[in-house]
PDB file of N, CA and C in Angstrom:
ATOM      1  N   MET A   1     -24.617 -28.390 -66.780  1.00  0.00           N
ATOM      2  CA  MET A   1     -23.714 -27.297 -66.619  1.00  0.00           C
ATOM      3  C   MET A   1     -24.288 -25.942 -66.235  1.00  0.00           C
ATOM      4  N   ILE A   2     -23.911 -25.230 -65.371  1.00  0.00           N
ATOM      5  CA  ILE A   2     -24.586 -24.114 -64.847  1.00  0.00           C
ATOM      6  C   ILE A   2     -23.481 -22.917 -65.060  1.00  0.00           C
ATOM      7  N   LYS A   3     -23.894 -21.743 -65.579  1.00  0.00           N
ATOM      8  CA  LYS A   3     -23.283 -20.755 -65.898  1.00  0.00           C
ATOM      9  C   LYS A   3     -23.827 -19.564 -65.230  1.00  0.00           C
ATOM     10  N   ALA A   4     -23.115 -18.853 -64.562  1.00  0.00           N
ATOM     11  CA  ALA A   4     -23.357 -17.411 -63.734  1.00  0.00           C
ATOM     12  C   ALA A   4     -22.595 -16.223 -64.043  1.00  0.00           C
ATOM     13  N   ASN A   5     -23.189 -15.209 -64.282  1.00  0.00           N
ATOM     14  CA  ASN A   5     -22.479 -14.014 -64.301  1.00  0.00           C
ATOM     15  C   ASN A   5     -22.711 -13.126 -62.943  1.00  0.00           C
ATOM     16  N   TRP A   6     -21.664 -12.526 -62.392  1.00  0.00           N
ATOM     17  CA  TRP A   6     -21.697 -11.866 -61.192  1.00  0.00           C
ATOM     18  C   TRP A   6     -20.885 -10.459 -61.315  1.00  0.00           C
ATOM     19  N   PHE A   7     -21.349  -9.561 -60.492  1.00  0.00           N
ATOM     20  CA  PHE A   7     -20.697  -8.410 -60.158  1.00  0.00           C
ATOM     21  C   PHE A   7     -20.585  -7.960 -58.792  1.00  0.00           C
ATOM     22  N   SER A   8     -19.669  -7.250 -58.397  1.00  0.00           N
ATOM     23  CA  SER A   8     -19.570  -6.730 -57.314  1.00  0.00           C
ATOM     24  C   SER A   8     -20.714  -5.933 -56.761  1.00  0.00           C
ATOM     25  N   ILE A   9     -21.699  -6.187 -55.903  1.00  0.00           N
ATOM     26  CA  ILE A   9     -22.792  -5.284 -55.649  1.00  0.00           C
ATOM     27  C   ILE A   9     -22.391  -3.951 -55.087  1.00  0.00           C
ATOM     28  N   PHE A  10     -21.433  -3.875 -54.072  1.00  0.00           N
ATOM     29  CA  PHE A  10     -20.831  -3.006 -53.467  1.00  0.00           C
ATOM     30  C   PHE A  10     -20.118  -1.887 -54.622  1.00  0.00           C
ATOM     31  N   GLY A  11     -19.455  -2.541 -55.524  1.00  0.00           N
ATOM     32  CA  GLY A  11     -18.750  -1.860 -56.707  1.00  0.00           C
ATOM     33  C   GLY A  11     -19.930  -1.181 -57.547  1.00  0.00           C
ATOM     34  N   LEU A  12     -21.021  -2.025 -57.675  1.00  0.00           N
ATOM     35  CA  LEU A  12     -21.859  -1.250 -58.680  1.00  0.00           C
ATOM     36  C   LEU A  12     -22.677  -0.118 -57.885  1.00  0.00           C
ATOM     37  N   LEU A  13     -22.895  -0.319 -56.623  1.00  0.00           N
ATOM     38  CA  LEU A  13     -23.495   0.853 -55.926  1.00  0.00           C
ATOM     39  C   LEU A  13     -22.649   2.057 -55.585  1.00  0.00           C
ATOM     40  N   ALA A  14     -21.454   1.762 -55.579  1.00  0.00           N
ATOM     41  CA  ALA A  14     -20.690   2.816 -55.211  1.00  0.00           C
ATOM     42  C   ALA A  14     -19.779   3.411 -56.319  1.00  0.00           C
ATOM     43  N   ALA A  15     -19.981   2.830 -57.443  1.00  0.00           N
ATOM     44  CA  ALA A  15     -19.354   3.226 -58.783  1.00  0.00           C
ATOM     45  C   ALA A  15     -19.452   4.666 -59.092  1.00  0.00           C
ATOM     46  N   GLY A  16     -20.361   5.419 -58.807  1.00  0.00           N
ATOM     47  CA  GLY A  16     -20.434   6.933 -58.955  1.00  0.00           C
ATOM     48  C   GLY A  16     -19.672   7.739 -57.960  1.00  0.00           C
ATOM     49  N   ALA A  17     -19.577   7.033 -56.760  1.00  0.00           N
ATOM     50  CA  ALA A  17     -18.954   7.855 -55.933  1.00  0.00           C
ATOM     51  C   ALA A  17     -17.424   7.792 -55.572  1.00  0.00           C
ATOM     52  N   LEU A  18     -16.953   6.501 -55.970  1.00  0.00           N
ATOM     53  CA  LEU A  18     -15.502   5.819 -55.521  1.00  0.00           C
ATOM     54  C   LEU A  18     -15.023   5.344 -57.086  1.00  0.00           C
ATOM     55  N   PRO A  19     -13.652   5.556 -57.504  1.00  0.00           N
ATOM     56  CA  PRO A  19     -13.075   4.914 -58.591  1.00  0.00           C
ATOM     57  C   PRO A  19     -12.508   3.524 -58.027  1.00  0.00           C
ATOM     58  N   LEU A  20     -13.270   2.667 -58.593  1.00  0.00           N
ATOM     59  CA  LEU A  20     -12.972   1.241 -57.987  1.00  0.00           C
ATOM     60  C   LEU A  20     -13.211   0.287 -58.922  1.00  0.00           C
ATOM     61  N   SER A  21     -12.433  -0.979 -59.176  1.00  0.00           N
ATOM     62  CA  SER A  21     -12.527  -1.638 -60.332  1.00  0.00           C
ATOM     63  C   SER A  21     -13.531  -2.737 -59.823  1.00  0.00           C
ATOM     64  N   VAL A  22     -14.352  -3.188 -61.102  1.00  0.00           N
ATOM     65  CA  VAL A  22     -15.264  -4.077 -61.158  1.00  0.00           C
ATOM     66  C   VAL A  22     -14.796  -5.242 -61.924  1.00  0.00           C
ATOM     67  N   GLU A  23     -15.019  -6.561 -61.571  1.00  0.00           N
ATOM     68  CA  GLU A  23     -14.557  -7.599 -62.585  1.00  0.00           C
ATOM     69  C   GLU A  23     -15.671  -8.473 -62.673  1.00  0.00           C
ATOM     70  N   ALA A  24     -16.097  -8.819 -64.035  1.00  0.00           N
ATOM     71  CA  ALA A  24     -16.778  -9.812 -64.256  1.00  0.00           C
ATOM     72  C   ALA A  24     -16.433 -11.234 -64.735  1.00  0.00           C
ATOM     73  N   ALA A  25     -17.050 -12.134 -64.279  1.00  0.00           N
ATOM     74  CA  ALA A  25     -16.405 -13.544 -64.496  1.00  0.00           C
ATOM     75  C   ALA A  25     -17.655 -14.655 -64.758  1.00  0.00           C
ATOM     76  N   ASP A  26     -17.376 -15.528 -65.702  1.00  0.00           N
ATOM     77  CA  ASP A  26     -18.308 -16.546 -65.709  1.00  0.00           C
ATOM     78  C   ASP A  26     -17.940 -17.680 -65.060  1.00  0.00           C
ATOM     79  N   LYS A  27     -18.733 -18.261 -63.959  1.00  0.00           N
ATOM     80  CA  LYS A  27     -18.251 -19.428 -63.284  1.00  0.00           C
ATOM     81  C   LYS A  27     -19.058 -20.667 -63.783  1.00  0.00           C
ATOM     82  N   ILE A  28     -18.303 -21.700 -63.932  1.00  0.00           N
ATOM     83  CA  ILE A  28     -18.875 -23.032 -64.614  1.00  0.00           C
ATOM     84  C   ILE A  28     -18.560 -24.018 -63.798  1.00  0.00           C
ATOM     85  N   VAL A  29     -19.693 -24.910 -63.503  1.00  0.00           N
ATOM     86  CA  VAL A  29     -19.687 -25.969 -62.768  1.00  0.00           C
ATOM     87  C   VAL A  29     -19.615 -27.122 -63.667  1.00  0.00           C
ATOM     88  N   VAL A  30     -18.379 -27.796 -63.344  1.00  0.00           N
ATOM     89  CA  VAL A  30     -17.940 -29.016 -64.354  1.00  0.00           C
ATOM     90  C   VAL A  30     -18.130 -30.252 -63.662  1.00  0.00           C
ATOM     91  N   CYS A  31     -19.072 -31.326 -63.967  1.00  0.00           N
ATOM     92  CA  CYS A  31     -18.911 -32.591 -63.261  1.00  0.00           C
ATOM     93  C   CYS A  31     -18.498 -33.682 -64.294  1.00  0.00           C
ATOM     94  N   VAL A  32     -17.520 -34.306 -63.675  1.00  0.00           N
ATOM     95  CA  VAL A  32     -16.830 -35.313 -64.835  1.00  0.00           C
ATOM     96  C   VAL A  32     -16.796 -36.619 -63.912  1.00  0.00           C
ATOM     97  N   GLN A  33     -17.266 -37.882 -64.827  1.00  0.00           N
ATOM     98  CA  GLN A  33     -17.075 -39.324 -64.271  1.00  0.00           C
ATOM     99  C   GLN A  33     -15.839 -39.829 -64.720  1.00  0.00           C
ATOM    100  N   ASN A  34     -15.167 -40.713 -63.931  1.00  0.00           N
ATOM    101  CA  ASN A  34     -13.949 -41.353 -64.305  1.00  0.00           C
ATOM    102  C   ASN A  34     -14.316 -42.680 -65.086  1.00  0.00           C
ATOM    103  N   THR A  35     -14.203 -42.678 -66.362  1.00  0.00           N
ATOM    104  CA  THR A  35     -14.578 -43.844 -67.098  1.00  0.00           C
ATOM    105  C   THR A  35     -13.324 -44.365 -67.713  1.00  0.00           C
ATOM    106  N   THR A  36     -12.301 -44.278 -67.027  1.00  0.00           N
ATOM    107  CA  THR A  36     -11.035 -44.951 -67.851  1.00  0.00           C
ATOM    108  C   THR A  36     -10.887 -46.415 -67.240  1.00  0.00           C
ATOM    109  N   GLY A  37     -11.666 -46.705 -66.315  1.00  0.00           N
ATOM    110  CA  GLY A  37     -11.546 -48.063 -65.629  1.00  0.00           C
ATOM    111  C   GLY A  37     -10.614 -48.231 -64.652  1.00  0.00           C
ATOM    112  N   LEU A  38      -9.852 -47.241 -64.383  1.00  0.00           N
ATOM    113  CA  LEU A  38      -8.533 -47.225 -63.465  1.00  0.00           C
ATOM    114  C   LEU A  38      -8.781 -46.019 -62.565  1.00  0.00           C
ATOM    115  N   SER A  39      -8.089 -46.223 -61.391  1.00  0.00           N
ATOM    116  CA  SER A  39      -8.106 -45.118 -60.431  1.00  0.00           C
ATOM    117  C   SER A  39      -7.387 -43.962 -60.981  1.00  0.00           C
ATOM    118  N   ALA A  40      -7.810 -42.759 -60.744  1.00  0.00           N
ATOM    119  CA  ALA A  40      -7.091 -41.370 -61.279  1.00  0.00           C
ATOM    120  C   ALA A  40      -6.675 -40.651 -60.170  1.00  0.00           C
ATOM    121  N   SER A  41      -5.418 -39.828 -60.460  1.00  0.00           N
ATOM    122  CA  SER A  41      -4.922 -38.922 -59.409  1.00  0.00           C
ATOM    123  C   SER A  41      -4.896 -37.831 -60.006  1.00  0.00           C
ATOM    124  N   ASP A  42      -5.421 -37.480 -61.191  1.00  0.00           N
ATOM    125  CA  ASP A  42      -5.526 -35.946 -61.587  1.00  0.00           C
ATOM    126  C   ASP A  42      -6.391 -35.989 -62.815  1.00  0.00           C
ATOM    127  N   LEU A  43      -6.820 -34.782 -63.084  1.00  0.00           N
ATOM    128  CA  LEU A  43      -7.999 -34.233 -64.059  1.00  0.00           C
ATOM    129  C   LEU A  43      -7.337 -33.280 -65.023  1.00  0.00           C
ATOM    130  N   HIS A  44      -7.653 -33.206 -66.173  1.00  0.00           N
ATOM    131  CA  HIS A  44      -7.322 -32.260 -66.983  1.00  0.00           C
ATOM    132  C   HIS A  44      -8.558 -31.879 -67.942  1.00  0.00           C
ATOM    133  N   VAL A  45      -9.022 -30.644 -67.824  1.00  0.00           N
ATOM    134  CA  VAL A  45     -10.282 -30.043 -68.518  1.00  0.00           C
ATOM    135  C   VAL A  45      -9.792 -28.844 -69.513  1.00  0.00           C
ATOM    136  N   THR A  46     -10.173 -29.066 -70.542  1.00  0.00           N
ATOM    137  CA  THR A  46      -9.786 -28.071 -71.755  1.00  0.00           C
ATOM    138  C   THR A  46     -11.227 -27.250 -72.105  1.00  0.00           C
ATOM    139  N   PHE A  47     -11.052 -25.951 -72.173  1.00  0.00           N
ATOM    140  CA  PHE A  47     -12.107 -25.091 -72.687  1.00  0.00           C
ATOM    141  C   PHE A  47     -11.629 -24.486 -73.867  1.00  0.00           C
ATOM    142  N   THR A  48     -12.579 -23.932 -74.524  1.00  0.00           N
ATOM    143  CA  THR A  48     -12.390 -23.010 -75.868  1.00  0.00           C
ATOM    144  C   THR A  48     -12.876 -21.715 -75.527  1.00  0.00           C
ATOM    145  N   GLY A  49     -12.130 -20.627 -75.953  1.00  0.00           N
ATOM    146  CA  GLY A  49     -12.688 -19.060 -75.681  1.00  0.00           C
ATOM    147  C   GLY A  49     -12.564 -18.568 -74.476  1.00  0.00           C
ATOM    148  N   THR A  50     -11.396 -19.360 -73.555  1.00  0.00           N
ATOM    149  CA  THR A  50     -11.282 -18.605 -72.340  1.00  0.00           C
ATOM    150  C   THR A  50     -10.222 -17.209 -72.357  1.00  0.00           C
ATOM    151  N   GLY A  51      -9.555 -17.152 -73.517  1.00  0.00           N
ATOM    152  CA  GLY A  51      -8.706 -16.111 -73.543  1.00  0.00           C
ATOM    153  C   GLY A  51      -7.317 -16.417 -72.928  1.00  0.00           C
ATOM    154  N   GLY A  52      -7.258 -17.679 -72.161  1.00  0.00           N
ATOM    155  CA  GLY A  52      -6.161 -18.116 -71.611  1.00  0.00           C
ATOM    156  C   GLY A  52      -6.202 -17.725 -69.965  1.00  0.00           C
ATOM    157  N   ASN A  53      -7.351 -17.156 -69.577  1.00  0.00           N
ATOM    158  CA  ASN A  53      -7.570 -16.930 -68.179  1.00  0.00           C
ATOM    159  C   ASN A  53      -8.556 -18.065 -67.636  1.00  0.00           C
ATOM    160  N   LEU A  54      -7.849 -19.040 -66.835  1.00  0.00           N
ATOM    161  CA  LEU A  54      -8.827 -19.864 -66.406  1.00  0.00           C
ATOM    162  C   LEU A  54      -8.156 -20.167 -65.055  1.00  0.00           C
ATOM    163  N   TYR A  55      -9.149 -20.168 -63.907  1.00  0.00           N
ATOM    164  CA  TYR A  55      -8.802 -20.207 -62.603  1.00  0.00           C
ATOM    165  C   TYR A  55      -9.754 -21.211 -61.940  1.00  0.00           C
ATOM    166  N   VAL A  56      -9.347 -22.104 -61.097  1.00  0.00           N
ATOM    167  CA  VAL A  56      -9.869 -23.261 -60.290  1.00  0.00           C
ATOM    168  C   VAL A  56      -9.464 -23.122 -58.901  1.00  0.00           C
ATOM    169  N   ASP A  57     -10.464 -22.643 -57.852  1.00  0.00           N
ATOM    170  CA  ASP A  57     -10.172 -22.711 -56.487  1.00  0.00           C
ATOM    171  C   ASP A  57      -9.964 -24.146 -56.110  1.00  0.00           C
ATOM    172  N   PRO A  58      -8.802 -24.395 -55.463  1.00  0.00           N
ATOM    173  CA  PRO A  58      -8.606 -25.916 -55.122  1.00  0.00           C
ATOM    174  C   PRO A  58      -9.645 -26.459 -54.072  1.00  0.00           C
ATOM    175  N   PHE A  59     -10.374 -25.259 -53.222  1.00  0.00           N
ATOM    176  CA  PHE A  59     -11.314 -25.751 -52.491  1.00  0.00           C
ATOM    177  C   PHE A  59     -12.806 -26.034 -52.907  1.00  0.00           C
ATOM    178  N   SER A  60     -12.760 -25.531 -54.243  1.00  0.00           N
ATOM    179  CA  SER A  60     -14.063 -25.869 -54.926  1.00  0.00           C
ATOM    180  C   SER A  60     -14.205 -27.190 -55.643  1.00  0.00           C
ATOM    181  N   VAL A  61     -13.130 -27.924 -55.532  1.00  0.00           N
ATOM    182  CA  VAL A  61     -12.882 -29.273 -56.147  1.00  0.00           C
ATOM    183  C   VAL A  61     -13.481 -30.259 -55.076  1.00  0.00           C
ATOM    184  N   VAL A  62     -14.642 -31.164 -55.525  1.00  0.00           N
ATOM    185  CA  VAL A  62     -14.986 -32.052 -54.710  1.00  0.00           C
ATOM    186  C   VAL A  62     -15.069 -33.513 -55.257  1.00  0.00           C
ATOM    187  N   ALA A  63     -14.341 -34.430 -54.693  1.00  0.00           N
ATOM    188  CA  ALA A  63     -14.113 -35.691 -55.115  1.00  0.00           C
ATOM    189  C   ALA A  63     -14.188 -36.421 -53.956  1.00  0.00           C
ATOM    190  N   LEU A  64     -14.904 -37.374 -53.664  1.00  0.00           N
ATOM    191  CA  LEU A  64     -15.072 -38.172 -52.309  1.00  0.00           C
ATOM    192  C   LEU A  64     -13.723 -38.695 -52.013  1.00  0.00           C
ATOM    193  N   PHE A  65     -13.428 -38.817 -50.971  1.00  0.00           N
ATOM    194  CA  PHE A  65     -12.267 -39.644 -50.468  1.00  0.00           C
ATOM    195  C   PHE A  65     -10.818 -38.943 -51.120  1.00  0.00           C
ATOM    196  N   CYS A  66     -10.913 -38.000 -51.652  1.00  0.00           N
ATOM    197  CA  CYS A  66      -9.567 -37.141 -52.095  1.00  0.00           C
ATOM    198  C   CYS A  66      -9.398 -35.979 -51.212  1.00  0.00           C
ATOM    199  N   PRO A  67      -8.011 -35.695 -51.063  1.00  0.00           N
ATOM    200  CA  PRO A  67      -7.513 -34.430 -50.478  1.00  0.00           C
ATOM    201  C   PRO A  67      -7.723 -33.385 -51.556  1.00  0.00           C
ATOM    202  N   THR A  68      -7.515 -32.109 -50.677  1.00  0.00           N
ATOM    203  CA  THR A  68      -7.692 -30.867 -51.431  1.00  0.00           C
ATOM    204  C   THR A  68      -6.533 -30.911 -52.399  1.00  0.00           C
ATOM    205  N   PRO A  69      -6.848 -30.714 -53.618  1.00  0.00           N
ATOM    206  CA  PRO A  69      -5.905 -30.874 -54.653  1.00  0.00           C
ATOM    207  C   PRO A  69      -4.674 -29.782 -55.050  1.00  0.00           C
ATOM    208  N   ALA A  70      -3.878 -29.936 -55.690  1.00  0.00           N
ATOM    209  CA  ALA A  70      -2.997 -28.978 -56.064  1.00  0.00           C
ATOM    210  C   ALA A  70      -3.698 -28.495 -57.579  1.00  0.00           C
ATOM    211  N   VAL A  71      -3.495 -27.175 -58.139  1.00  0.00           N
ATOM    212  CA  VAL A  71      -4.142 -26.757 -59.212  1.00  0.00           C
ATOM    213  C   VAL A  71      -2.666 -26.196 -59.952  1.00  0.00           C
ATOM    214  N   PRO A  72      -1.767 -26.939 -60.437  1.00  0.00           N
ATOM    215  CA  PRO A  72      -0.775 -26.244 -61.224  1.00  0.00           C
ATOM    216  C   PRO A  72      -1.029 -25.106 -62.237  1.00  0.00           C
ATOM    217  N   SER A  73      -2.346 -25.481 -63.005  1.00  0.00           N
ATOM    218  CA  SER A  73      -2.455 -24.580 -64.194  1.00  0.00           C
ATOM    219  C   SER A  73      -2.760 -23.195 -63.755  1.00  0.00           C
ATOM    220  N   ASN A  74      -2.987 -22.830 -62.322  1.00  0.00           N
ATOM    221  CA  ASN A  74      -3.715 -21.540 -61.879  1.00  0.00           C
ATOM    222  C   ASN A  74      -2.277 -20.758 -62.009  1.00  0.00           C
ATOM    223  N   GLY A  75      -2.586 -19.397 -62.374  1.00  0.00           N
ATOM    224  CA  GLY A  75      -1.410 -18.517 -62.799  1.00  0.00           C
ATOM    225  C   GLY A  75      -0.939 -18.657 -64.048  1.00  0.00           C
ATOM    226  N   SER A  76      -1.128 -19.789 -64.991  1.00  0.00           N
ATOM    227  CA  SER A  76      -0.417 -19.713 -65.944  1.00  0.00           C
ATOM    228  C   SER A  76      -1.279 -19.465 -67.224  1.00  0.00           C
ATOM    229  N   VAL A  77      -0.898 -19.080 -68.380  1.00  0.00           N
ATOM    230  CA  VAL A  77      -1.924 -18.589 -69.458  1.00  0.00           C
ATOM    231  C   VAL A  77      -2.019 -19.982 -70.254  1.00  0.00           C
ATOM    232  N   GLY A  78      -3.487 -20.158 -70.285  1.00  0.00           N
ATOM    233  CA  GLY A  78      -3.864 -21.484 -71.147  1.00  0.00           C
ATOM    234  C   GLY A  78      -5.230 -21.759 -70.949  1.00  0.00           C
ATOM    235  N   ASN A  79      -5.861 -22.740 -71.516  1.00  0.00           N
ATOM    236  CA  ASN A  79      -7.158 -23.230 -71.540  1.00  0.00           C
ATOM    237  C   ASN A  79      -7.560 -24.425 -70.797  1.00  0.00           C
ATOM    238  N   THR A  80      -6.458 -24.999 -70.278  1.00  0.00           N
ATOM    239  CA  THR A  80      -6.635 -26.413 -69.732  1.00  0.00           C
ATOM    240  C   THR A  80      -6.154 -26.231 -68.168  1.00  0.00           C
ATOM    241  N   ALA A  81      -7.395 -26.638 -67.404  1.00  0.00           N
ATOM    242  CA  ALA A  81      -7.240 -26.816 -65.798  1.00  0.00           C
ATOM    243  C   ALA A  81      -6.517 -28.079 -65.562  1.00  0.00           C
ATOM    244  N   VAL A  82      -5.661 -28.130 -64.935  1.00  0.00           N
ATOM    245  CA  VAL A  82      -5.070 -29.231 -64.423  1.00  0.00           C
ATOM    246  C   VAL A  82      -5.220 -29.188 -62.784  1.00  0.00           C
ATOM    247  N   ILE A  83      -5.839 -30.398 -62.440  1.00  0.00           N
ATOM    248  CA  ILE A  83      -6.246 -30.787 -60.987  1.00  0.00           C
ATOM    249  C   ILE A  83      -5.584 -32.033 -60.594  1.00  0.00           C
ATOM    250  N   ASP A  84      -4.767 -31.948 -59.313  1.00  0.00           N
ATOM    251  CA  ASP A  84      -3.591 -33.150 -59.123  1.00  0.00           C
ATOM    252  C   ASP A  84      -3.981 -33.305 -57.817  1.00  0.00           C
ATOM    253  N   TRP A  85      -4.472 -34.469 -57.423  1.00  0.00           N
ATOM    254  CA  TRP A  85      -4.589 -34.823 -55.812  1.00  0.00           C
ATOM    255  C   TRP A  85      -3.437 -35.486 -55.358  1.00  0.00           C
ATOM    256  N   GLY A  86      -2.637 -36.026 -56.137  1.00  0.00           N
ATOM    257  CA  GLY A  86      -1.097 -36.567 -55.683  1.00  0.00           C
ATOM    258  C   GLY A  86      -1.437 -38.047 -55.433  1.00  0.00           C
ATOM    259  N   THR A  87      -2.666 -38.519 -55.525  1.00  0.00           N
ATOM    260  CA  THR A  87      -2.790 -39.977 -55.068  1.00  0.00           C
ATOM    261  C   THR A  87      -3.991 -40.406 -56.057  1.00  0.00           C
ATOM    262  N   ASN A  88      -4.051 -41.693 -56.211  1.00  0.00           N
ATOM    263  CA  ASN A  88      -5.124 -42.298 -57.056  1.00  0.00           C
ATOM    264  C   ASN A  88      -6.375 -42.496 -56.169  1.00  0.00           C
ATOM    265  N   CYS A  89      -7.026 -41.431 -56.066  1.00  0.00           N
ATOM    266  CA  CYS A  89      -8.253 -41.384 -55.199  1.00  0.00           C
ATOM    267  C   CYS A  89      -9.597 -41.431 -55.741  1.00  0.00           C
ATOM    268  N   VAL A  90      -9.450 -41.140 -57.263  1.00  0.00           N
ATOM    269  CA  VAL A  90     -10.798 -41.152 -57.860  1.00  0.00           C
ATOM    270  C   VAL A  90     -11.116 -42.601 -58.631  1.00  0.00           C
ATOM    271  N   GLY A  91     -11.750 -43.360 -58.002  1.00  0.00           N
ATOM    272  CA  GLY A  91     -11.844 -44.722 -58.359  1.00  0.00           C
ATOM    273  C   GLY A  91     -12.716 -44.787 -59.727  1.00  0.00           C
ATOM    274  N   PRO A  92     -12.657 -45.901 -60.375  1.00  0.00           N
ATOM    275  CA  PRO A  92     -13.412 -46.154 -61.566  1.00  0.00           C
ATOM    276  C   PRO A  92     -14.977 -45.868 -61.473  1.00  0.00           C
ATOM    277  N   GLY A  93     -15.409 -45.012 -62.248  1.00  0.00           N
ATOM    278  CA  GLY A  93     -16.959 -44.679 -62.024  1.00  0.00           C
ATOM    279  C   GLY A  93     -17.135 -43.379 -61.062  1.00  0.00           C
ATOM    280  N   GLY A  94     -15.897 -42.857 -60.369  1.00  0.00           N
ATOM    281  CA  GLY A  94     -16.042 -41.835 -59.568  1.00  0.00           C
ATOM    282  C   GLY A  94     -16.394 -40.633 -60.053  1.00  0.00           C
ATOM    283  N   LEU A  95     -17.073 -39.590 -59.385  1.00  0.00           N
ATOM    284  CA  LEU A  95     -17.458 -38.312 -59.709  1.00  0.00           C
ATOM    285  C   LEU A  95     -16.517 -37.217 -59.194  1.00  0.00           C
ATOM    286  N   THR A  96     -16.378 -36.145 -60.028  1.00  0.00           N
ATOM    287  CA  THR A  96     -15.738 -35.036 -59.555  1.00  0.00           C
ATOM    288  C   THR A  96     -16.534 -33.827 -59.793  1.00  0.00           C
ATOM    289  N   ARG A  97     -16.486 -32.682 -59.079  1.00  0.00           N
ATOM    290  CA  ARG A  97     -17.191 -31.514 -59.337  1.00  0.00           C
ATOM    291  C   ARG A  97     -16.145 -30.429 -59.059  1.00  0.00           C
ATOM    292  N   THR A  98     -16.007 -29.405 -60.114  1.00  0.00           N
ATOM    293  CA  THR A  98     -15.201 -28.340 -59.867  1.00  0.00           C
ATOM    294  C   THR A  98     -15.982 -26.993 -60.401  1.00  0.00           C
ATOM    295  N   ILE A  99     -15.426 -26.077 -59.883  1.00  0.00           N
ATOM    296  CA  ILE A  99     -15.885 -24.589 -60.413  1.00  0.00           C
ATOM    297  C   ILE A  99     -14.881 -24.019 -60.981  1.00  0.00           C
ATOM    298  N   HIS A 100     -14.999 -23.634 -62.241  1.00  0.00           N
ATOM    299  CA  HIS A 100     -14.116 -22.836 -62.832  1.00  0.00           C
ATOM    300  C   HIS A 100     -14.485 -21.507 -63.094  1.00  0.00           C
ATOM    301  N   SER A 101     -13.289 -20.443 -63.015  1.00  0.00           N
ATOM    302  CA  SER A 101     -13.866 -19.173 -63.296  1.00  0.00           C
ATOM    303  C   SER A 101     -12.891 -18.805 -64.460  1.00  0.00           C
ATOM    304  N   LEU A 102     -13.841 -17.946 -65.265  1.00  0.00           N
ATOM    305  CA  LEU A 102     -13.135 -17.637 -66.643  1.00  0.00           C
ATOM    306  C   LEU A 102     -13.475 -15.978 -66.706  1.00  0.00           C
ATOM    307  N   PRO A 103     -12.663 -15.256 -66.366  1.00  0.00           N
ATOM    308  CA  PRO A 103     -12.684 -13.809 -66.204  1.00  0.00           C
ATOM    309  C   PRO A 103     -12.781 -13.356 -67.614  1.00  0.00           C
ATOM    310  N   ARG A 104     -13.639 -12.288 -67.871  1.00  0.00           N
ATOM    311  CA  ARG A 104     -14.060 -11.851 -69.274  1.00  0.00           C
ATOM    312  C   ARG A 104     -13.170 -10.658 -69.294  1.00  0.00           C
ATOM    313  N   PHE A 105     -13.463  -9.604 -68.257  1.00  0.00           N
ATOM    314  CA  PHE A 105     -12.927  -8.056 -68.687  1.00  0.00           C
ATOM    315  C   PHE A 105     -12.766  -7.601 -67.162  1.00  0.00           C
ATOM    316  N   GLN A 106     -12.050  -6.540 -67.481  1.00  0.00           N
ATOM    317  CA  GLN A 106     -11.899  -5.739 -66.138  1.00  0.00           C
ATOM    318  C   GLN A 106     -12.224  -4.381 -66.403  1.00  0.00           C
ATOM    319  N   ALA A 107     -13.034  -3.763 -65.681  1.00  0.00           N
ATOM    320  CA  ALA A 107     -13.339  -2.272 -65.853  1.00  0.00           C
ATOM    321  C   ALA A 107     -13.027  -1.515 -64.810  1.00  0.00           C
ATOM    322  N   SER A 108     -12.668  -0.378 -65.024  1.00  0.00           N
ATOM    323  CA  SER A 108     -12.089   0.570 -64.014  1.00  0.00           C
ATOM    324  C   SER A 108     -13.476   1.796 -63.783  1.00  0.00           C
TER     325      SER A 108
END
């Protein structure tokens, strides 16, 4: 698991001259293997400590032979990311990789 913190470099450089917002977030790369023995069409990943703010960019989801998924959990308050390909495309033993953004705070 990789964890990275980021800040807008422009925001940090210009903070003294302009009033602008800088947002910090943790980005977590999650790799999951399908061990159900069946093909899967969706993935549910639950985190603790997100404060209910969890976002998955559908284009950050990598699963071979799968289309870009819907992420119906985006925009809702909760700790579970729901990724839905709409078809059973992740075979038994198949791997998925997702990048989850967990916003921590917003400062002005």
